[in-house]
């Protein structure tokens, strides 16, 4: 009889089968096709991540290995190719992470822009004392807390030096207590997220006394 050797001894990978039958042979129940596709997609995602991890490990090991005392031209060229591939892979990973972060910031900024009219209404209600207490005051406070958690900051300080990067001057007028070229009054609050100004504050600029 022919000898059937162990697949692992010959370095062969085990054969994988995907059961695509719509009816479970054990229970007789109809399988959820969508759920089965999700499982398959999840397995493919894991395999992709594993492949990337293995590639990164191989490239890192290749970059850490010390060249032997004497190498042929072919070996030296192969090593240079591996090092170049390693550098390209690292740059690719950095670029992907940078692009992903940029897309996330743009999405958050888009949401914040759409909420600016609501914030203006809340600011107007505060000026009229409608949010000093009561349930609406609690809701407005939670709303501000959530937006602050996303990095939103108000530009609403009077008495500071006028900065065209964050202020929009609507008029100039003398003010006895505010120095020249300083914000005498904020007519509409501005907002920024980090170093990016979402909307400049509309202000009155003092001309001094």
Protein backbone atom coordinates (compact mmCIF):
# COMPACT_ATOMS: atom_id res chain seq x y z
CA UNK A 1 0.00 0.00 0.00
CA UNK A 2 1.28 3.51 -0.73
CA UNK A 3 2.50 5.41 2.25
CA UNK A 4 0.56 8.59 2.99
CA UNK A 5 2.98 10.91 4.76
CA UNK A 6 2.00 13.61 7.17
CA UNK A 7 1.30 16.86 5.36
CA UNK A 8 3.22 18.80 8.01
CA UNK A 9 6.35 16.72 7.33
CA UNK A 10 6.34 17.86 3.69
CA UNK A 11 5.62 21.46 4.64
CA UNK A 12 2.23 21.46 2.93
CA UNK A 13 -0.53 23.67 4.28
CA UNK A 14 -3.78 21.93 5.32
CA UNK A 15 -6.62 22.19 2.86
CA UNK A 16 -9.40 24.53 4.04
CA UNK A 17 -13.05 24.01 3.11
CA UNK A 18 -15.84 26.58 3.45
CA UNK A 19 -19.26 25.05 4.06
CA UNK A 20 -21.61 27.16 1.92
CA UNK A 21 -24.68 24.98 2.35
CA UNK A 22 -27.75 27.06 3.18
CA UNK A 23 -29.19 24.36 5.46
CA UNK A 24 -27.29 23.14 8.51
CA UNK A 25 -26.91 19.33 8.08
CA UNK A 26 -26.89 18.80 11.87
CA UNK A 27 -29.84 20.94 12.96
CA UNK A 28 -31.82 21.22 9.71
CA UNK A 29 -32.12 24.98 10.23
CA UNK A 30 -31.64 27.56 7.48
CA UNK A 31 -28.37 29.38 7.90
CA UNK A 32 -28.08 33.16 7.95
CA UNK A 33 -26.35 34.01 4.67
CA UNK A 34 -25.51 37.55 5.80
CA UNK A 35 -23.97 36.28 9.01
CA UNK A 36 -21.92 33.73 7.09
CA UNK A 37 -20.62 36.48 4.80
CA UNK A 38 -19.69 38.59 7.82
CA UNK A 39 -17.68 35.71 9.27
CA UNK A 40 -15.91 35.16 5.95
CA UNK A 41 -15.15 38.87 5.64
CA UNK A 42 -13.83 38.95 9.20
CA UNK A 43 -11.58 35.97 8.48
CA UNK A 44 -10.28 37.69 5.33
CA UNK A 45 -9.56 40.84 7.34
CA UNK A 46 -7.62 38.86 9.94
CA UNK A 47 -5.64 37.10 7.22
CA UNK A 48 -4.80 40.49 5.62
CA UNK A 49 -3.62 41.91 8.94
CA UNK A 50 -1.56 38.75 9.56
CA UNK A 51 0.02 39.05 6.12
CA UNK A 52 0.95 42.69 6.75
CA UNK A 53 2.33 41.82 10.17
CA UNK A 54 4.42 39.00 8.69
CA UNK A 55 5.71 41.26 5.93
CA UNK A 56 6.66 43.92 8.47
CA UNK A 57 8.43 41.35 10.63
CA UNK A 58 10.41 40.01 7.67
CA UNK A 59 11.44 43.51 6.62
CA UNK A 60 12.44 44.45 10.16
CA UNK A 61 14.51 41.31 10.57
CA UNK A 62 16.16 41.94 7.22
CA UNK A 63 17.05 45.46 8.27
CA UNK A 64 18.49 44.32 11.61
CA UNK A 65 20.65 41.54 10.20
CA UNK A 66 24.34 42.36 9.96
CA UNK A 67 25.87 41.72 6.54
CA UNK A 68 28.40 38.87 6.43
CA UNK A 69 32.08 39.58 6.06
CA UNK A 70 32.01 38.74 2.37
CA UNK A 71 28.96 38.84 0.13
CA UNK A 72 28.43 38.39 -3.54
CA UNK A 73 27.12 41.19 -5.73
CA UNK A 74 23.76 39.42 -5.93
CA UNK A 75 23.46 39.16 -2.13
CA UNK A 76 24.39 42.81 -1.65
CA UNK A 77 21.84 43.87 -4.25
CA UNK A 78 19.15 41.74 -2.62
CA UNK A 79 19.91 43.22 0.78
CA UNK A 80 19.71 46.75 -0.62
CA UNK A 81 16.38 45.92 -2.22
CA UNK A 82 15.06 44.63 1.11
CA UNK A 83 16.22 47.74 2.96
CA UNK A 84 14.63 49.97 0.34
CA UNK A 85 11.41 47.97 0.54
CA UNK A 86 11.47 48.30 4.33
CA UNK A 87 11.80 52.10 4.09
CA UNK A 88 8.95 52.28 1.56
CA UNK A 89 6.74 50.14 3.77
CA UNK A 90 7.39 52.31 6.85
CA UNK A 91 6.60 55.44 4.85
CA UNK A 92 3.43 53.80 3.56
CA UNK A 93 2.24 52.97 7.08
CA UNK A 94 2.94 56.51 8.25
CA UNK A 95 1.09 57.97 5.28
CA UNK A 96 -1.94 55.75 5.90
CA UNK A 97 -2.09 56.79 9.58
CA UNK A 98 -1.68 60.47 8.65
CA UNK A 99 -4.45 60.29 6.03
CA UNK A 100 -6.72 58.45 8.43
CA UNK A 101 -6.24 61.14 11.08
CA UNK A 102 -6.88 63.89 8.52
CA UNK A 103 -10.14 62.28 7.42
CA UNK A 104 -11.23 61.96 11.05
CA UNK A 105 -10.48 65.65 11.74
CA UNK A 106 -12.39 66.75 8.64
CA UNK A 107 -15.41 64.70 9.70
CA UNK A 108 -15.40 66.24 13.19
CA UNK A 109 -14.97 69.74 11.75
CA UNK A 110 -17.89 69.21 9.39
CA UNK A 111 -20.14 68.26 12.31
CA UNK A 112 -18.97 71.25 14.34
CA UNK A 113 -19.69 73.61 11.43
CA UNK A 114 -23.23 72.33 11.21
CA UNK A 115 -23.72 73.00 14.94
CA UNK A 116 -22.60 76.65 14.87
CA UNK A 117 -26.16 78.06 14.49
CA UNK A 118 -27.23 76.04 17.53
CA UNK A 119 -24.29 77.41 19.51
CA UNK A 120 -25.24 80.96 18.49
CA UNK A 121 -28.78 80.39 19.80
CA UNK A 122 -27.39 79.07 23.08
CA UNK A 123 -25.07 82.07 23.42
CA UNK A 124 -28.00 84.43 22.82
CA UNK A 125 -30.06 82.59 25.44
CA UNK A 126 -27.22 82.94 27.95
CA UNK A 127 -26.97 86.69 27.36
CA UNK A 128 -30.68 87.02 28.10
CA UNK A 129 -30.38 84.89 31.24
CA UNK A 130 -32.52 82.06 29.87
CA UNK A 131 -29.89 79.43 30.72
CA UNK A 132 -29.05 80.46 34.26
CA UNK A 133 -30.99 77.55 35.74
CA UNK A 134 -33.53 74.89 34.89
CA UNK A 135 -33.48 71.79 32.67
CA UNK A 136 -32.39 73.69 29.56
CA UNK A 137 -29.36 75.00 31.42
CA UNK A 138 -28.32 71.43 32.26
CA UNK A 139 -28.78 70.34 28.64
CA UNK A 140 -26.73 73.29 27.37
CA UNK A 141 -23.95 72.49 29.85
CA UNK A 142 -23.80 68.85 28.71
CA UNK A 143 -23.76 70.03 25.10
CA UNK A 144 -20.80 72.32 25.78
CA UNK A 145 -18.99 69.51 27.60
CA UNK A 146 -19.39 67.14 24.66
CA UNK A 147 -18.11 69.72 22.16
CA UNK A 148 -15.19 70.58 24.43
CA UNK A 149 -14.34 66.89 24.47
CA UNK A 150 -13.96 67.09 20.68
CA UNK A 151 -11.54 70.00 21.06
CA UNK A 152 -13.92 72.89 20.32
CA UNK A 153 -12.90 76.20 21.95
CA UNK A 154 -14.74 79.53 22.00
CA UNK A 155 -13.10 82.74 20.86
CA UNK A 156 -15.03 85.13 23.05
CA UNK A 157 -12.58 87.15 25.17
CA UNK A 158 -12.79 90.94 25.24
CA UNK A 159 -9.85 93.12 26.18
CA UNK A 160 -7.32 90.99 24.27
CA UNK A 161 -5.16 92.28 21.43
CA UNK A 162 -6.86 92.22 18.06
CA UNK A 163 -5.65 89.26 15.99
CA UNK A 164 -6.82 89.13 12.36
CA UNK A 165 -6.26 85.37 12.40
CA UNK A 166 -9.04 84.81 14.96
CA UNK A 167 -10.98 88.11 14.90
CA UNK A 168 -13.15 89.80 12.29
CA UNK A 169 -13.39 93.54 12.95
CA UNK A 170 -16.87 94.87 12.15
CA UNK A 171 -16.23 98.38 13.46
CA UNK A 172 -13.86 100.58 15.44
CA UNK A 173 -14.84 102.92 18.22
CA UNK A 174 -13.20 104.65 21.19
CA UNK A 175 -13.32 102.93 24.55
CA UNK A 176 -12.02 104.50 27.77
CA UNK A 177 -11.02 101.20 29.41
CA UNK A 178 -9.71 99.19 26.46
CA UNK A 179 -6.36 100.06 24.81
CA UNK A 180 -6.11 100.85 21.14
CA UNK A 181 -6.21 97.87 18.74
CA UNK A 182 -7.73 95.64 21.39
CA UNK A 183 -11.10 93.89 21.35
CA UNK A 184 -13.64 96.17 23.00
CA UNK A 185 -16.66 93.92 22.50
CA UNK A 186 -17.42 90.49 21.02
CA UNK A 187 -20.55 90.64 18.87
CA UNK A 188 -20.51 86.99 17.84
CA UNK A 189 -18.36 84.26 19.33
CA UNK A 190 -15.78 82.53 17.20
CA UNK A 191 -14.68 78.90 17.45
CA UNK A 192 -11.54 76.93 16.84
CA UNK A 193 -10.34 73.37 17.12
CA UNK A 194 -6.68 73.15 17.97
CA UNK A 195 -4.77 75.51 15.68
CA UNK A 196 -7.56 75.60 13.09
CA UNK A 197 -10.06 78.46 13.26
CA UNK A 198 -13.52 77.20 12.36
CA UNK A 199 -15.07 80.67 12.52
CA UNK A 200 -13.52 84.02 13.42
CA UNK A 201 -15.12 86.06 16.20
CA UNK A 202 -16.90 89.21 15.08
CA UNK A 203 -15.65 92.05 17.26
CA UNK A 204 -15.55 95.78 17.89
CA UNK A 205 -11.99 97.10 17.98
CA UNK A 206 -11.07 99.91 20.36
CA UNK A 207 -9.38 103.06 19.05
CA UNK A 208 -8.43 104.13 22.57
CA UNK A 209 -9.90 107.16 24.30
